[in-house]
Amino acid sequence: MRVKRNPPTLKLQPFRIPSSWKVDYNTFIELDPKLLNRYDDKWINFTEDLLQISHSRYKILLDVGWYPEGDPNGEYGLELIKDHDWGNPLESYSTNSKDEIVAKIEQLLWQVGEEDYNS
């Protein structure tokens, strides 16, 4: 017997991802945290593992999460990592604005493709 499943009510955030990038995982949803009240059960979607995208040619990884996880007072954190050197990120960025983090993600993906971080 097949069970009919409804599509998820929360949709993934669309991103403009240039070629040569690979999405390792994506749980980044369209939901703007500024629209939630502190007792909303949707805070469970704001985790430390929202998005990870890698560029194999340049060995660069873009990682995004929400810190502290599930905390209404938290914010998005972004790290741009080369050669798995988490101690020395190429870029670090944080904001509580969904629109700002999406713009920063797309900007960095483009800049890496233009070889701005590949020396």
C-alpha atoms as a PDB file:
ATOM      1  CA  MET A   1       0.000   0.000   0.000  1.00  0.00           C
ATOM      2  CA  ARG A   2       1.377   3.404  -0.974  1.00  0.00           C
ATOM      3  CA  VAL A   3       1.113   6.225   1.476  1.00  0.00           C
ATOM      4  CA  LYS A   4       0.278   9.572  -0.043  1.00  0.00           C
ATOM      5  CA  ARG A   5       2.561  12.286   1.251  1.00  0.00           C
ATOM      6  CA  ASN A   6       1.903  15.977   1.113  1.00  0.00           C
ATOM      7  CA  PRO A   7       4.661  18.300  -0.055  1.00  0.00           C
ATOM      8  CA  PRO A   8       6.502  20.082   2.745  1.00  0.00           C
ATOM      9  CA  THR A   9       4.893  23.304   3.915  1.00  0.00           C
ATOM     10  CA  LEU A  10       8.280  25.028   4.196  1.00  0.00           C
ATOM     11  CA  LYS A  11      10.136  25.375   0.914  1.00  0.00           C
ATOM     12  CA  LEU A  12      13.882  25.394   0.403  1.00  0.00           C
ATOM     13  CA  GLN A  13      15.437  28.795  -0.213  1.00  0.00           C
ATOM     14  CA  PRO A  14      16.309  29.168  -3.907  1.00  0.00           C
ATOM     15  CA  PHE A  15      19.920  30.087  -4.668  1.00  0.00           C
ATOM     16  CA  ARG A  16      21.698  31.072  -7.871  1.00  0.00           C
ATOM     17  CA  ILE A  17      24.567  28.583  -7.847  1.00  0.00           C
ATOM     18  CA  PRO A  18      27.180  28.863 -10.593  1.00  0.00           C
ATOM     19  CA  SER A  19      28.481  25.748 -12.306  1.00  0.00           C
ATOM     20  CA  SER A  20      31.389  23.889 -10.702  1.00  0.00           C
ATOM     21  CA  TRP A  21      29.755  24.077  -7.271  1.00  0.00           C
ATOM     22  CA  LYS A  22      28.245  21.008  -5.612  1.00  0.00           C
ATOM     23  CA  VAL A  23      25.540  21.196  -2.951  1.00  0.00           C
ATOM     24  CA  ASP A  24      26.637  18.834  -0.186  1.00  0.00           C
ATOM     25  CA  TYR A  25      23.503  19.463   1.876  1.00  0.00           C
ATOM     26  CA  ASN A  26      20.724  22.032   1.997  1.00  0.00           C
ATOM     27  CA  THR A  27      18.100  22.486   4.692  1.00  0.00           C
ATOM     28  CA  PHE A  28      18.006  26.290   4.330  1.00  0.00           C
ATOM     29  CA  ILE A  29      14.323  27.227   4.126  1.00  0.00           C
ATOM     30  CA  GLU A  30      12.624  30.363   2.796  1.00  0.00           C
ATOM     31  CA  LEU A  31      11.360  31.275   6.254  1.00  0.00           C
ATOM     32  CA  ASP A  32      12.539  34.673   7.510  1.00  0.00           C
ATOM     33  CA  PRO A  33      13.480  34.441  11.211  1.00  0.00           C
ATOM     34  CA  LYS A  34      12.421  38.065  11.740  1.00  0.00           C
ATOM     35  CA  LEU A  35       8.811  36.983  11.114  1.00  0.00           C
ATOM     36  CA  LEU A  36       8.775  34.391  13.916  1.00  0.00           C
ATOM     37  CA  ASN A  37       7.921  34.990  17.522  1.00  0.00           C
ATOM     38  CA  ARG A  38      10.231  33.500  20.117  1.00  0.00           C
ATOM     39  CA  TYR A  39       7.789  30.680  20.969  1.00  0.00           C
ATOM     40  CA  ASP A  40       7.189  29.538  17.392  1.00  0.00           C
ATOM     41  CA  ASP A  41       7.876  25.831  16.830  1.00  0.00           C
ATOM     42  CA  LYS A  42       9.519  26.628  13.475  1.00  0.00           C
ATOM     43  CA  TRP A  43      12.745  27.591  15.278  1.00  0.00           C
ATOM     44  CA  ILE A  44      13.599  23.892  15.109  1.00  0.00           C
ATOM     45  CA  ASN A  45      14.450  24.486  11.424  1.00  0.00           C
ATOM     46  CA  PHE A  46      17.257  26.890  12.332  1.00  0.00           C
ATOM     47  CA  THR A  47      20.190  24.513  12.842  1.00  0.00           C
ATOM     48  CA  GLU A  48      23.962  24.688  12.610  1.00  0.00           C
ATOM     49  CA  ASP A  49      23.819  22.636   9.401  1.00  0.00           C
ATOM     50  CA  LEU A  50      21.731  24.681   6.957  1.00  0.00           C
ATOM     51  CA  LEU A  51      23.842  24.714   3.810  1.00  0.00           C
ATOM     52  CA  GLN A  52      27.151  23.384   2.611  1.00  0.00           C
ATOM     53  CA  ILE A  53      28.398  23.902  -0.930  1.00  0.00           C
ATOM     54  CA  SER A  54      31.801  22.838  -2.227  1.00  0.00           C
ATOM     55  CA  HIS A  55      33.988  23.740  -5.188  1.00  0.00           C
ATOM     56  CA  SER A  56      36.205  20.733  -5.914  1.00  0.00           C
ATOM     57  CA  ARG A  57      38.560  22.471  -8.353  1.00  0.00           C
ATOM     58  CA  TYR A  58      39.571  25.140  -5.848  1.00  0.00           C
ATOM     59  CA  LYS A  59      39.003  23.005  -2.716  1.00  0.00           C
ATOM     60  CA  ILE A  60      36.766  25.688  -1.228  1.00  0.00           C
ATOM     61  CA  LEU A  61      33.782  25.039   0.995  1.00  0.00           C
ATOM     62  CA  LEU A  62      30.973  27.459   1.860  1.00  0.00           C
ATOM     63  CA  ASP A  63      29.209  26.540   5.104  1.00  0.00           C
ATOM     64  CA  VAL A  64      26.128  28.241   6.603  1.00  0.00           C
ATOM     65  CA  GLY A  65      24.329  27.598   9.877  1.00  0.00           C
ATOM     66  CA  TRP A  66      22.242  29.280  12.566  1.00  0.00           C
ATOM     67  CA  TYR A  67      24.041  29.946  15.861  1.00  0.00           C
ATOM     68  CA  PRO A  68      23.089  29.125  18.549  1.00  0.00           C
ATOM     69  CA  GLU A  69      20.937  26.432  17.026  1.00  0.00           C
ATOM     70  CA  GLY A  70      17.190  27.092  17.342  1.00  0.00           C
ATOM     71  CA  ASP A  71      17.742  30.277  19.345  1.00  0.00           C
ATOM     72  CA  PRO A  72      15.515  33.257  18.427  1.00  0.00           C
ATOM     73  CA  ASN A  73      18.383  35.562  19.484  1.00  0.00           C
ATOM     74  CA  GLY A  74      20.819  33.790  17.154  1.00  0.00           C
ATOM     75  CA  GLU A  75      22.027  34.621  13.691  1.00  0.00           C
ATOM     76  CA  TYR A  76      23.210  33.060  10.473  1.00  0.00           C
ATOM     77  CA  GLY A  77      26.912  32.285  10.383  1.00  0.00           C
ATOM     78  CA  LEU A  78      28.834  31.778   7.138  1.00  0.00           C
ATOM     79  CA  GLU A  79      32.364  30.468   6.703  1.00  0.00           C
ATOM     80  CA  LEU A  80      34.314  30.206   3.458  1.00  0.00           C
ATOM     81  CA  ILE A  81      36.978  27.533   3.948  1.00  0.00           C
ATOM     82  CA  LYS A  82      39.925  26.535   1.752  1.00  0.00           C
ATOM     83  CA  ASP A  83      41.667  23.152   2.020  1.00  0.00           C
ATOM     84  CA  HIS A  84      39.578  22.191   5.092  1.00  0.00           C
ATOM     85  CA  ASP A  85      41.431  24.824   7.171  1.00  0.00           C
ATOM     86  CA  TRP A  86      38.553  25.700   9.522  1.00  0.00           C
ATOM     87  CA  GLY A  87      40.929  27.610  11.792  1.00  0.00           C
ATOM     88  CA  ASN A  88      41.682  30.180   9.084  1.00  0.00           C
ATOM     89  CA  PRO A  89      38.542  30.906   7.068  1.00  0.00           C
ATOM     90  CA  LEU A  90      38.851  32.992   3.914  1.00  0.00           C
ATOM     91  CA  GLU A  91      35.641  34.783   4.935  1.00  0.00           C
ATOM     92  CA  SER A  92      33.430  34.853   8.019  1.00  0.00           C
ATOM     93  CA  TYR A  93      30.093  36.628   8.027  1.00  0.00           C
ATOM     94  CA  SER A  94      27.104  36.761  10.356  1.00  0.00           C
ATOM     95  CA  THR A  95      23.692  38.399  10.245  1.00  0.00           C
ATOM     96  CA  ASN A  96      20.156  37.738  11.446  1.00  0.00           C
ATOM     97  CA  SER A  97      18.774  38.816   8.052  1.00  0.00           C
ATOM     98  CA  LYS A  98      17.785  36.063   5.611  1.00  0.00           C
ATOM     99  CA  ASP A  99      18.013  38.444   2.653  1.00  0.00           C
ATOM    100  CA  GLU A 100      21.518  39.573   3.624  1.00  0.00           C
ATOM    101  CA  ILE A 101      22.857  36.028   4.052  1.00  0.00           C
ATOM    102  CA  VAL A 102      21.354  34.900   0.726  1.00  0.00           C
ATOM    103  CA  ALA A 103      22.980  37.867  -1.031  1.00  0.00           C
ATOM    104  CA  LYS A 104      26.336  37.140   0.647  1.00  0.00           C
ATOM    105  CA  ILE A 105      26.170  33.440  -0.313  1.00  0.00           C
ATOM    106  CA  GLU A 106      25.477  34.255  -3.951  1.00  0.00           C
ATOM    107  CA  GLN A 107      28.187  36.943  -4.009  1.00  0.00           C
ATOM    108  CA  LEU A 108      30.843  34.580  -2.613  1.00  0.00           C
ATOM    109  CA  LEU A 109      29.883  31.738  -4.961  1.00  0.00           C
ATOM    110  CA  TRP A 110      30.355  34.088  -7.894  1.00  0.00           C
ATOM    111  CA  GLN A 111      33.626  35.570  -6.559  1.00  0.00           C
ATOM    112  CA  VAL A 112      35.183  32.131  -6.068  1.00  0.00           C
ATOM    113  CA  GLY A 113      34.218  31.200  -9.620  1.00  0.00           C
ATOM    114  CA  GLU A 114      35.919  34.384 -10.820  1.00  0.00           C
ATOM    115  CA  GLU A 115      39.081  33.139  -9.067  1.00  0.00           C
ATOM    116  CA  ASP A 116      39.063  35.896  -6.421  1.00  0.00           C
ATOM    117  CA  TYR A 117      39.973  33.382  -3.674  1.00  0.00           C
ATOM    118  CA  ASN A 118      42.134  30.937  -5.581  1.00  0.00           C
ATOM    119  CA  SER A 119      45.682  32.099  -5.046  1.00  0.00           C
END
